[in-house]
Amino acid sequence: MESDLMAPTDLATKLGKSQAALAQWRYLGIGPPFIKLGRNVRYRTRDVEAWLDRQTMQRTGDPAGGAA
């Protein structure tokens, strides 16, 4: 199971974002789902991939998912 979890540092690198940006997303509830293990935040790989799939757009201005 541990290999299925990413630390914020790993996800920040993967997405090209800062850890502060991820913390802000968590606060706003707009980023990928996360798990709190005590004081540690972790992201499931499958949750991140599903979240990225929902961010896919067909063109600028389309709502996430590209549905018309």
N, C-alpha and C. Protein backbone atom coordinates (compact mmCIF):
# COMPACT_ATOMS: atom_id res chain seq x y z
N MET A 1 0.82 -1.19 0.00
CA MET A 1 0.00 0.00 0.00
C MET A 1 0.86 1.26 0.00
N GLU A 2 1.97 1.26 0.71
CA GLU A 2 2.81 2.45 0.79
C GLU A 2 3.25 2.94 -0.58
N SER A 3 3.50 2.03 -1.53
CA SER A 3 3.94 2.43 -2.86
C SER A 3 2.83 3.14 -3.62
N ASP A 4 1.58 2.98 -3.21
CA ASP A 4 0.45 3.65 -3.85
C ASP A 4 0.24 5.06 -3.31
N LEU A 5 1.03 5.46 -2.32
CA LEU A 5 0.87 6.77 -1.71
C LEU A 5 2.02 7.69 -2.10
N MET A 6 1.67 8.96 -2.35
CA MET A 6 2.67 9.97 -2.69
C MET A 6 2.69 11.04 -1.61
N ALA A 7 3.86 11.48 -1.26
CA ALA A 7 4.01 12.62 -0.37
C ALA A 7 3.78 13.89 -1.18
N PRO A 8 3.43 14.99 -0.52
CA PRO A 8 3.25 16.25 -1.24
C PRO A 8 4.47 16.67 -2.05
N THR A 9 5.66 16.36 -1.56
CA THR A 9 6.87 16.70 -2.33
C THR A 9 6.89 15.98 -3.67
N ASP A 10 6.47 14.71 -3.67
CA ASP A 10 6.44 13.92 -4.90
C ASP A 10 5.40 14.46 -5.87
N LEU A 11 4.21 14.77 -5.34
CA LEU A 11 3.15 15.27 -6.21
C LEU A 11 3.50 16.65 -6.75
N ALA A 12 4.08 17.50 -5.91
CA ALA A 12 4.48 18.83 -6.37
C ALA A 12 5.46 18.72 -7.54
N THR A 13 6.41 17.81 -7.43
CA THR A 13 7.36 17.60 -8.52
C THR A 13 6.66 17.10 -9.77
N LYS A 14 5.77 16.13 -9.60
CA LYS A 14 5.04 15.55 -10.73
C LYS A 14 4.22 16.60 -11.47
N LEU A 15 3.59 17.50 -10.72
CA LEU A 15 2.71 18.50 -11.33
C LEU A 15 3.41 19.80 -11.68
N GLY A 16 4.67 19.95 -11.25
CA GLY A 16 5.38 21.20 -11.49
C GLY A 16 4.82 22.35 -10.67
N LYS A 17 4.32 22.03 -9.49
CA LYS A 17 3.75 23.02 -8.57
C LYS A 17 4.57 23.04 -7.29
N SER A 18 4.35 24.05 -6.48
CA SER A 18 5.03 24.11 -5.19
C SER A 18 4.21 23.36 -4.15
N GLN A 19 4.86 23.00 -3.06
CA GLN A 19 4.13 22.39 -1.95
C GLN A 19 3.13 23.38 -1.35
N ALA A 20 3.46 24.65 -1.40
CA ALA A 20 2.53 25.68 -0.90
C ALA A 20 1.26 25.72 -1.75
N ALA A 21 1.42 25.54 -3.06
CA ALA A 21 0.25 25.51 -3.95
C ALA A 21 -0.64 24.32 -3.60
N LEU A 22 -0.03 23.17 -3.35
CA LEU A 22 -0.81 21.99 -2.97
C LEU A 22 -1.53 22.22 -1.65
N ALA A 23 -0.85 22.85 -0.70
CA ALA A 23 -1.48 23.15 0.59
C ALA A 23 -2.67 24.08 0.39
N GLN A 24 -2.54 25.07 -0.49
CA GLN A 24 -3.65 25.98 -0.78
C GLN A 24 -4.80 25.23 -1.45
N TRP A 25 -4.49 24.33 -2.37
CA TRP A 25 -5.53 23.52 -3.01
C TRP A 25 -6.28 22.68 -1.97
N ARG A 26 -5.52 22.10 -1.02
CA ARG A 26 -6.18 21.31 0.03
C ARG A 26 -7.13 22.18 0.84
N TYR A 27 -6.67 23.38 1.18
CA TYR A 27 -7.49 24.31 1.95
C TYR A 27 -8.76 24.69 1.19
N LEU A 28 -8.62 24.95 -0.11
CA LEU A 28 -9.75 25.36 -0.93
C LEU A 28 -10.60 24.19 -1.41
N GLY A 29 -10.06 22.97 -1.28
CA GLY A 29 -10.80 21.79 -1.74
C GLY A 29 -10.83 21.65 -3.25
N ILE A 30 -9.80 22.15 -3.94
CA ILE A 30 -9.83 22.11 -5.40
C ILE A 30 -8.80 21.16 -6.01
N GLY A 31 -7.95 20.59 -5.21
CA GLY A 31 -6.92 19.69 -5.72
C GLY A 31 -7.36 18.24 -5.63
N PRO A 32 -6.43 17.34 -5.87
CA PRO A 32 -6.77 15.91 -5.78
C PRO A 32 -7.09 15.54 -4.33
N PRO A 33 -7.94 14.51 -4.14
CA PRO A 33 -8.23 14.05 -2.79
C PRO A 33 -6.94 13.63 -2.09
N PHE A 34 -6.93 13.81 -0.77
CA PHE A 34 -5.74 13.48 0.01
C PHE A 34 -6.14 12.73 1.27
N ILE A 35 -5.14 12.13 1.88
CA ILE A 35 -5.32 11.35 3.11
C ILE A 35 -4.47 12.01 4.18
N LYS A 36 -5.01 12.11 5.38
CA LYS A 36 -4.24 12.59 6.54
C LYS A 36 -3.91 11.37 7.39
N LEU A 37 -2.63 11.14 7.59
CA LEU A 37 -2.15 10.07 8.47
C LEU A 37 -1.43 10.77 9.62
N GLY A 38 -2.19 11.04 10.65
CA GLY A 38 -1.63 11.87 11.72
C GLY A 38 -1.44 13.27 11.18
N ARG A 39 -0.21 13.75 11.22
CA ARG A 39 0.10 15.07 10.68
C ARG A 39 0.57 15.01 9.23
N ASN A 40 0.72 13.80 8.70
CA ASN A 40 1.24 13.63 7.35
C ASN A 40 0.12 13.59 6.32
N VAL A 41 0.35 14.27 5.20
CA VAL A 41 -0.57 14.26 4.07
C VAL A 41 -0.02 13.31 3.03
N ARG A 42 -0.88 12.50 2.47
CA ARG A 42 -0.49 11.59 1.39
C ARG A 42 -1.59 11.61 0.32
N TYR A 43 -1.18 11.30 -0.90
CA TYR A 43 -2.10 11.24 -2.03
C TYR A 43 -2.05 9.83 -2.61
N ARG A 44 -3.21 9.22 -2.84
CA ARG A 44 -3.25 7.93 -3.53
C ARG A 44 -3.01 8.18 -5.01
N THR A 45 -2.18 7.35 -5.61
CA THR A 45 -1.87 7.47 -7.03
C THR A 45 -3.15 7.43 -7.85
N ARG A 46 -4.04 6.51 -7.55
CA ARG A 46 -5.28 6.38 -8.34
C ARG A 46 -6.16 7.62 -8.21
N ASP A 47 -6.19 8.25 -7.03
CA ASP A 47 -6.97 9.48 -6.85
C ASP A 47 -6.38 10.63 -7.66
N VAL A 48 -5.05 10.71 -7.69
CA VAL A 48 -4.39 11.76 -8.46
C VAL A 48 -4.68 11.57 -9.94
N GLU A 49 -4.55 10.34 -10.43
CA GLU A 49 -4.81 10.07 -11.85
C GLU A 49 -6.25 10.38 -12.22
N ALA A 50 -7.21 10.01 -11.36
CA ALA A 50 -8.62 10.31 -11.62
C ALA A 50 -8.86 11.82 -11.63
N TRP A 51 -8.23 12.53 -10.70
CA TRP A 51 -8.36 13.98 -10.66
C TRP A 51 -7.79 14.61 -11.93
N LEU A 52 -6.64 14.13 -12.36
CA LEU A 52 -6.05 14.65 -13.60
C LEU A 52 -6.96 14.38 -14.79
N ASP A 53 -7.59 13.21 -14.84
CA ASP A 53 -8.53 12.91 -15.92
C ASP A 53 -9.68 13.91 -15.94
N ARG A 54 -10.15 14.31 -14.76
CA ARG A 54 -11.25 15.29 -14.69
C ARG A 54 -10.82 16.69 -15.10
N GLN A 55 -9.51 16.94 -15.13
CA GLN A 55 -9.01 18.26 -15.53
C GLN A 55 -8.85 18.38 -17.04
N THR A 56 -9.02 17.29 -17.76
CA THR A 56 -8.83 17.28 -19.20
C THR A 56 -9.89 18.13 -19.89
N MET A 57 -9.45 18.98 -20.79
CA MET A 57 -10.36 19.87 -21.53
C MET A 57 -10.14 19.70 -23.03
N GLN A 58 -11.17 20.00 -23.78
CA GLN A 58 -11.08 19.93 -25.23
C GLN A 58 -10.58 21.25 -25.83
N ARG A 59 -10.95 22.35 -25.19
CA ARG A 59 -10.51 23.66 -25.68
C ARG A 59 -10.57 24.66 -24.54
N THR A 60 -9.95 25.78 -24.72
CA THR A 60 -9.96 26.83 -23.72
C THR A 60 -11.40 27.28 -23.48
N GLY A 61 -11.74 27.45 -22.22
CA GLY A 61 -13.07 27.91 -21.87
C GLY A 61 -14.07 26.80 -21.61
N ASP A 62 -13.74 25.55 -21.99
CA ASP A 62 -14.64 24.43 -21.71
C ASP A 62 -14.60 24.14 -20.21
N PRO A 63 -15.76 23.74 -19.65
CA PRO A 63 -15.70 23.26 -18.27
C PRO A 63 -14.86 22.00 -18.21
N ALA A 64 -14.28 21.71 -17.04
CA ALA A 64 -13.46 20.50 -16.90
C ALA A 64 -14.25 19.29 -17.37
N GLY A 65 -13.61 18.42 -18.09
CA GLY A 65 -14.27 17.24 -18.64
C GLY A 65 -14.66 17.43 -20.08
N GLY A 66 -14.70 18.68 -20.55
CA GLY A 66 -15.00 18.94 -21.95
C GLY A 66 -16.43 18.69 -22.36
N ALA A 67 -17.33 18.44 -21.38
CA ALA A 67 -18.73 18.17 -21.72
C ALA A 67 -19.39 19.46 -22.20
N ALA A 68 -20.18 19.34 -23.25
CA ALA A 68 -20.88 20.51 -23.79
C ALA A 68 -22.32 20.52 -23.34
